[in-house]
Amino acid sequence: MSTIILGIESSCDDTSAAILKDGVMLSNCTANQEVHKAYGGVVPEVASRAHQINIVPVVDQAIRKAGIRKDQINAVAFTRGPGLIGSLIVGVTFAKGFALARNIPLIEVNHMQAHVLAHFVEDPKPSFPFMCLTVSGGHTQIVVVKSHLEMEVIANTIDDAAGEAFDKTGKIMGLDYPAGPVIDRLAKQGTPRFKFPEPKIDGLNFSFSGLKTSILYFLQREIKTNPNFITENMNDICASVQDRIISILLNKLKKAVKQTGIKEIAIAGGVSANSGLRQALQEHGEELGWNTYIPRFEYCTDNAAMIATTGYYKFLKGEFAGHGIKPTARYKI
């Protein structure tokens, strides 16, 4: 008998639904929210209202695209957290209602754990144990992955995440939100000739707040001399910012590899879509003898495919949630 999982993701501003059959992805549909560009960041109340509008059409689209019937679904996997509480409530409530109506199990999923397991949506898949650098707008972690459901976080950010460093720097320079993809695109046309400091943080943890501040002070100094400095040097500034963020990430990753001896290396999360980071990881892997794994772009950003995949492995172990479960804005692996 086949096992079909419906995955629901609503942790931030993307409403996503996916259908997984026996570990094979049949559909992965996402509705994005363009409205937040006008505010320079995600507005929680606006995001939750948009999820309410999008959730039913997105789930319907995923089911239709997968070519299945609702009564064939065996379980509903949903993002419990971490994320924006108003957005999470929409996904959790829908999942509960769907599961109750169909009398099928609920499976709660940690969003960050799901980003790691995005590597199991399709081949090639890393071998256990592997190490995953998980980088997004709200999180920067190094995770040792011992099995599909056993993970240990060995490094975190002590302040801003890598994605925040991109977006906040972009806001300083007047770029549209989200600034990360814009900086990535402009960096390809520039040269990293401006040198920003790398934070001196002991151990494996990350810090990006100091980098953000140094970029701000640098731009303020240059603008005093030349009011058009940013527009005249935009590509080189973007290349320099991106180069430093990537070097911070990979220097810590190299240190983690040295400490653990693990050379199966993966990246995940929204920032793993950055072309500079993807290229740098591949180059480091070739130079240092790592086996590197980089997910397709559609599985880097928030998506329900990774939720359904995580739900599938939890389904196989019978790890189900009760209907009294609540979303949580902070949820550690």
Protein backbone atom coordinates (compact mmCIF):
# COMPACT_ATOMS: atom_id res chain seq x y z
CA MET A 1 0.00 0.00 0.00
CA SER A 2 1.30 3.45 -0.92
CA THR A 3 2.01 6.19 1.61
CA ILE A 4 0.89 9.65 0.50
CA ILE A 5 1.79 12.71 2.59
CA LEU A 6 0.37 16.22 2.26
CA GLY A 7 2.91 18.82 3.37
CA ILE A 8 1.95 22.33 4.54
CA GLU A 9 4.43 25.21 4.98
CA SER A 10 3.41 28.65 6.30
CA SER A 11 6.22 29.80 8.58
CA CYS A 12 6.80 33.23 7.03
CA ASP A 13 5.42 34.79 3.84
CA ASP A 14 5.24 31.80 1.46
CA THR A 15 2.19 29.53 1.45
CA SER A 16 3.23 26.13 0.15
CA ALA A 17 1.70 22.67 -0.25
CA ALA A 18 3.26 19.46 -1.57
CA ILE A 19 2.28 15.86 -2.18
CA LEU A 20 4.78 13.04 -1.56
CA LYS A 21 4.07 9.42 -2.52
CA ASP A 22 6.38 6.72 -1.12
CA GLY A 23 9.21 9.24 -0.85
CA VAL A 24 8.72 10.59 -4.40
CA MET A 25 7.62 14.21 -4.85
CA LEU A 26 4.50 14.51 -7.02
CA SER A 27 3.88 18.24 -6.59
CA ASN A 28 5.26 21.28 -4.79
CA CYS A 29 3.19 24.47 -5.15
CA THR A 30 3.92 27.85 -3.57
CA ALA A 31 2.16 31.23 -3.45
CA ASN A 32 4.52 34.14 -2.80
CA GLN A 33 3.57 37.46 -1.20
CA GLU A 34 4.87 40.40 -3.23
CA VAL A 35 3.11 42.93 -0.99
CA HIS A 36 5.98 43.01 1.54
CA LYS A 37 8.34 44.73 -0.92
CA ALA A 38 6.52 47.99 -0.27
CA TYR A 39 7.44 47.79 3.43
CA GLY A 40 11.06 46.68 3.08
CA GLY A 41 10.42 43.51 5.08
CA VAL A 42 7.77 40.99 6.07
CA VAL A 43 4.80 42.48 7.94
CA PRO A 44 3.45 39.67 10.18
CA GLU A 45 -0.21 40.71 10.13
CA VAL A 46 -0.21 41.15 6.35
CA ALA A 47 1.52 37.78 5.94
CA SER A 48 -1.01 35.89 8.07
CA ARG A 49 -3.95 37.42 6.19
CA ALA A 50 -2.41 36.44 2.86
CA HIS A 51 -1.92 32.87 4.11
CA GLN A 52 -5.64 32.71 4.88
CA ILE A 53 -6.39 33.68 1.29
CA ASN A 54 -3.81 31.37 -0.29
CA ILE A 55 -3.92 28.16 1.76
CA VAL A 56 -7.00 26.50 0.19
CA PRO A 57 -6.12 27.28 -3.47
CA VAL A 58 -2.49 26.17 -2.97
CA VAL A 59 -3.46 22.85 -1.37
CA ASP A 60 -6.05 22.26 -4.10
CA GLN A 61 -3.43 23.00 -6.77
CA ALA A 62 -0.94 20.58 -5.17
CA ILE A 63 -3.51 17.78 -5.04
CA ARG A 64 -4.63 18.35 -8.63
CA LYS A 65 -1.06 18.58 -9.94
CA ALA A 66 -0.15 15.34 -8.14
CA GLY A 67 -3.05 13.57 -9.85
CA ILE A 68 -4.44 12.08 -6.64
CA ARG A 69 -7.70 12.27 -4.68
CA LYS A 70 -8.02 13.77 -1.20
CA ASP A 71 -9.16 10.42 0.19
CA GLN A 72 -5.83 8.85 -0.84
CA ILE A 73 -3.81 11.06 1.53
CA ASN A 74 -2.52 9.10 4.54
CA ALA A 75 -1.24 11.95 6.74
CA VAL A 76 -0.78 15.72 6.92
CA ALA A 77 2.66 17.13 7.79
CA PHE A 78 2.79 20.79 8.81
CA THR A 79 5.33 23.35 9.97
CA ARG A 80 4.89 23.83 13.70
CA GLY A 81 7.75 26.33 14.00
CA PRO A 82 9.95 28.28 14.18
CA GLY A 83 8.40 31.22 12.34
CA LEU A 84 5.90 34.06 12.56
CA ILE A 85 3.19 32.93 14.96
CA GLY A 86 0.30 34.40 12.93
CA SER A 87 1.51 32.66 9.76
CA LEU A 88 2.08 29.38 11.57
CA ILE A 89 -1.44 29.44 13.03
CA VAL A 90 -2.96 29.42 9.54
CA GLY A 91 -1.00 26.36 8.41
CA VAL A 92 -1.45 24.46 11.67
CA THR A 93 -5.19 25.17 11.81
CA PHE A 94 -5.69 24.08 8.21
CA ALA A 95 -3.68 20.89 8.77
CA LYS A 96 -5.74 20.03 11.86
CA GLY A 97 -9.01 20.60 10.03
CA PHE A 98 -7.95 18.55 7.01
CA ALA A 99 -6.67 15.67 9.16
CA LEU A 100 -9.80 15.69 11.33
CA ALA A 101 -12.12 15.70 8.30
CA ARG A 102 -10.24 12.80 6.67
CA ASN A 103 -9.56 10.98 9.99
CA ILE A 104 -5.83 10.73 9.21
CA PRO A 105 -2.73 11.43 11.38
CA LEU A 106 -1.08 14.79 11.95
CA ILE A 107 2.72 15.13 11.77
CA GLU A 108 4.39 18.21 13.25
CA VAL A 109 7.63 19.34 11.59
CA ASN A 110 10.49 21.59 12.72
CA HIS A 111 11.10 24.07 9.90
CA MET A 112 14.89 24.03 10.33
CA GLN A 113 15.04 20.24 10.44
CA ALA A 114 13.02 20.23 7.22
CA HIS A 115 15.54 22.54 5.50
CA VAL A 116 18.22 19.94 6.22
CA LEU A 117 16.03 17.11 4.91
CA ALA A 118 15.42 19.02 1.66
CA HIS A 119 18.47 17.03 0.55
CA PHE A 120 16.30 13.90 0.57
CA VAL A 121 13.65 15.22 -1.81
CA GLU A 122 15.69 13.94 -4.76
CA ASP A 123 19.09 12.45 -5.63
CA PRO A 124 21.97 12.77 -4.96
CA LYS A 125 21.47 12.30 -1.23
CA PRO A 126 24.25 12.72 1.37
CA SER A 127 25.41 9.77 3.46
CA PHE A 128 25.17 9.76 7.25
CA PRO A 129 26.72 11.33 9.16
CA PHE A 130 26.91 14.59 7.23
CA MET A 131 27.24 18.22 8.19
CA CYS A 132 24.79 20.86 6.99
CA LEU A 133 25.34 24.62 6.93
CA THR A 134 21.79 25.96 7.25
CA VAL A 135 21.52 29.63 6.34
CA SER A 136 18.35 31.70 6.04
CA GLY A 137 16.86 35.07 6.89
CA GLY A 138 16.38 34.13 10.53
CA HIS A 139 18.88 31.36 11.20
CA THR A 140 22.51 30.43 10.65
CA GLN A 141 23.50 27.02 11.97
CA ILE A 142 25.90 24.14 11.48
CA VAL A 143 24.12 20.85 12.07
CA VAL A 144 25.60 17.37 12.38
CA VAL A 145 23.04 15.01 10.82
CA LYS A 146 23.29 11.49 12.22
CA SER A 147 20.09 10.12 10.68
CA HIS A 148 16.91 11.47 9.09
CA LEU A 149 15.51 12.42 12.49
CA GLU A 150 18.62 12.70 14.68
CA MET A 151 20.45 16.02 14.43
CA GLU A 152 22.80 18.01 16.63
CA VAL A 153 23.29 21.77 16.27
CA ILE A 154 26.98 22.53 16.87
CA ALA A 155 26.94 26.21 15.85
CA ASN A 156 24.46 29.09 15.88
CA THR A 157 24.50 32.82 15.24
CA ILE A 158 24.80 34.91 18.39
CA ASP A 159 23.00 37.88 16.79
CA ASP A 160 21.94 38.48 13.18
CA ALA A 161 21.62 35.66 10.68
CA ALA A 162 23.37 35.63 7.30
CA GLY A 163 20.13 36.41 5.49
CA GLU A 164 19.56 39.42 7.74
CA ALA A 165 23.04 40.68 6.91
CA PHE A 166 22.15 40.60 3.22
CA ASP A 167 18.73 42.20 3.64
CA LYS A 168 19.75 44.89 6.12
CA THR A 169 22.77 45.85 4.02
CA GLY A 170 20.52 46.04 0.99
CA LYS A 171 18.12 48.32 2.86
CA ILE A 172 21.01 50.65 3.74
CA MET A 173 21.85 50.85 0.03
CA GLY A 174 18.23 51.40 -1.03
CA LEU A 175 17.72 47.99 -2.66
CA ASP A 176 14.33 46.28 -2.88
CA TYR A 177 13.34 43.61 -0.36
CA PRO A 178 14.39 40.85 -0.27
CA ALA A 179 17.84 42.25 -0.97
CA GLY A 180 19.75 38.95 -0.93
CA PRO A 181 18.90 37.94 -4.52
CA VAL A 182 19.51 41.52 -5.72
CA ILE A 183 22.97 41.65 -4.10
CA ASP A 184 23.75 38.24 -5.61
CA ARG A 185 22.83 39.47 -9.09
CA LEU A 186 24.76 42.74 -8.83
CA ALA A 187 27.79 41.04 -7.27
CA LYS A 188 28.30 39.03 -10.45
CA GLN A 189 29.04 42.31 -12.25
CA GLY A 190 31.39 43.67 -9.57
CA THR A 191 34.75 43.10 -7.92
CA PRO A 192 35.16 42.58 -4.14
CA ARG A 193 37.67 45.42 -3.78
CA PHE A 194 36.29 46.87 -0.53
CA LYS A 195 37.54 44.92 2.48
CA PHE A 196 35.17 44.52 5.42
CA PRO A 197 36.31 42.95 8.72
CA GLU A 198 35.59 39.37 9.70
CA PRO A 199 34.20 39.04 13.26
CA LYS A 200 36.55 37.35 15.73
CA ILE A 201 34.17 34.95 17.44
CA ASP A 202 35.59 32.03 19.40
CA GLY A 203 34.38 28.53 18.60
CA LEU A 204 32.03 27.72 15.77
CA ASN A 205 29.30 30.31 16.37
CA PHE A 206 28.57 33.10 13.90
CA SER A 207 28.09 36.86 14.26
CA PHE A 208 26.92 39.30 11.59
CA SER A 209 25.83 42.39 13.53
CA GLY A 210 29.35 43.82 13.60
CA LEU A 211 29.74 43.33 9.86
CA LYS A 212 26.46 45.12 9.22
CA THR A 213 27.61 48.04 11.40
CA SER A 214 31.02 48.26 9.68
CA ILE A 215 29.32 48.39 6.27
CA LEU A 216 27.02 51.18 7.50
CA TYR A 217 29.93 53.27 8.84
CA PHE A 218 31.97 52.65 5.68
CA LEU A 219 29.14 53.88 3.44
CA GLN A 220 28.47 56.91 5.65
CA ARG A 221 32.16 57.93 5.44
CA GLU A 222 32.30 57.53 1.68
CA ILE A 223 29.04 59.41 1.10
CA LYS A 224 30.43 62.43 2.96
CA THR A 225 33.16 62.66 0.32
CA ASN A 226 31.05 61.58 -2.64
CA PRO A 227 27.23 61.70 -2.30
CA ASN A 228 26.93 59.40 -5.34
CA PHE A 229 29.34 56.77 -3.95
CA ILE A 230 26.74 54.01 -3.59
CA THR A 231 25.20 54.36 -7.04
CA GLU A 232 28.62 54.73 -8.70
CA ASN A 233 30.05 51.66 -6.92
CA MET A 234 26.95 49.51 -6.36
CA ASN A 235 28.25 46.37 -8.09
CA ASP A 236 31.59 46.42 -6.28
CA ILE A 237 29.94 47.09 -2.91
CA CYS A 238 27.59 44.14 -3.44
CA ALA A 239 30.49 41.91 -4.49
CA SER A 240 32.47 42.95 -1.41
CA VAL A 241 29.58 42.40 1.00
CA GLN A 242 28.77 39.02 -0.48
CA ASP A 243 32.42 37.96 -0.48
CA ARG A 244 32.77 38.70 3.23
CA ILE A 245 29.51 36.99 4.25
CA ILE A 246 30.53 33.88 2.32
CA SER A 247 34.03 33.87 3.83
CA ILE A 248 32.55 34.07 7.35
CA LEU A 249 30.29 31.11 6.63
CA LEU A 250 32.93 28.92 5.00
CA ASN A 251 35.71 29.69 7.46
CA LYS A 252 33.49 28.44 10.29
CA LEU A 253 32.46 25.45 8.21
CA LYS A 254 36.11 24.55 7.56
CA LYS A 255 36.75 24.78 11.30
CA ALA A 256 33.79 22.48 11.98
CA VAL A 257 35.07 19.94 9.45
CA LYS A 258 38.46 19.97 11.14
CA GLN A 259 36.88 19.40 14.57
CA THR A 260 34.47 16.64 13.54
CA GLY A 261 36.32 14.95 10.69
CA ILE A 262 33.06 14.85 8.69
CA LYS A 263 33.59 15.53 4.99
CA GLU A 264 30.04 14.95 3.74
CA ILE A 265 29.00 18.63 3.53
CA ALA A 266 25.63 20.12 2.59
CA ILE A 267 24.05 23.57 2.59
CA ALA A 268 20.37 24.41 3.05
CA GLY A 269 18.03 27.34 3.66
CA GLY A 270 17.17 30.43 1.65
CA VAL A 271 20.72 31.80 1.50
CA SER A 272 21.92 28.50 0.01
CA ALA A 273 20.33 29.75 -3.22
CA ASN A 274 23.08 32.41 -3.38
CA SER A 275 25.19 31.66 -6.45
CA GLY A 276 28.40 32.89 -4.83
CA LEU A 277 27.96 30.60 -1.83
CA ARG A 278 27.11 27.63 -4.04
CA GLN A 279 30.19 28.17 -6.18
CA ALA A 280 32.46 28.74 -3.18
CA LEU A 281 31.25 25.54 -1.50
CA GLN A 282 31.93 23.52 -4.64
CA GLU A 283 35.43 25.02 -4.95
CA HIS A 284 36.22 24.33 -1.30
CA GLY A 285 34.92 20.79 -1.69
CA GLU A 286 37.18 20.11 -4.65
CA GLU A 287 40.18 21.65 -2.88
CA LEU A 288 39.67 19.98 0.52
CA GLY A 289 38.27 16.62 -0.51
CA TRP A 290 34.69 17.20 0.64
CA ASN A 291 31.64 15.54 -0.90
CA THR A 292 29.34 18.56 -1.32
CA TYR A 293 25.57 18.61 -1.70
CA ILE A 294 23.58 21.62 -2.88
CA PRO A 295 19.77 21.46 -3.29
CA ARG A 296 17.94 22.80 -6.31
CA PHE A 297 16.86 26.44 -5.97
CA GLU A 298 13.20 25.53 -5.41
CA TYR A 299 14.16 23.45 -2.37
CA CYS A 300 16.38 26.16 -0.84
CA THR A 301 13.69 28.71 -0.06
CA ASP A 302 10.68 27.89 2.13
CA ASN A 303 8.71 25.08 0.49
CA ALA A 304 6.34 22.27 1.43
CA ALA A 305 8.38 19.58 -0.33
CA MET A 306 10.84 19.58 2.57
CA ILE A 307 7.93 19.47 5.06
CA ALA A 308 6.35 16.49 3.30
CA THR A 309 9.73 14.74 3.11
CA THR A 310 10.34 15.18 6.85
CA GLY A 311 6.77 14.07 7.49
CA TYR A 312 7.35 10.91 5.48
CA TYR A 313 10.27 9.82 7.66
CA LYS A 314 8.29 10.60 10.80
CA PHE A 315 5.32 8.67 9.40
CA LEU A 316 7.51 5.60 8.93
CA LYS A 317 8.42 5.80 12.64
CA GLY A 318 4.85 6.47 13.75
CA GLU A 319 5.69 9.90 15.19
CA PHE A 320 2.27 11.57 15.13
CA ALA A 321 0.91 14.70 16.83
CA GLY A 322 -2.31 15.18 18.77
CA HIS A 323 -4.94 17.74 17.80
CA GLY A 324 -4.10 19.79 20.88
CA ILE A 325 -0.69 20.74 19.44
CA LYS A 326 0.04 24.46 19.04
CA PRO A 327 2.45 26.37 16.80
CA THR A 328 5.57 27.84 18.36
CA ALA A 329 7.53 30.84 17.13
CA ARG A 330 10.76 29.44 18.62
CA TYR A 331 11.38 25.77 18.03
CA LYS A 332 14.86 24.26 18.34
CA ILE A 333 16.03 21.16 16.49
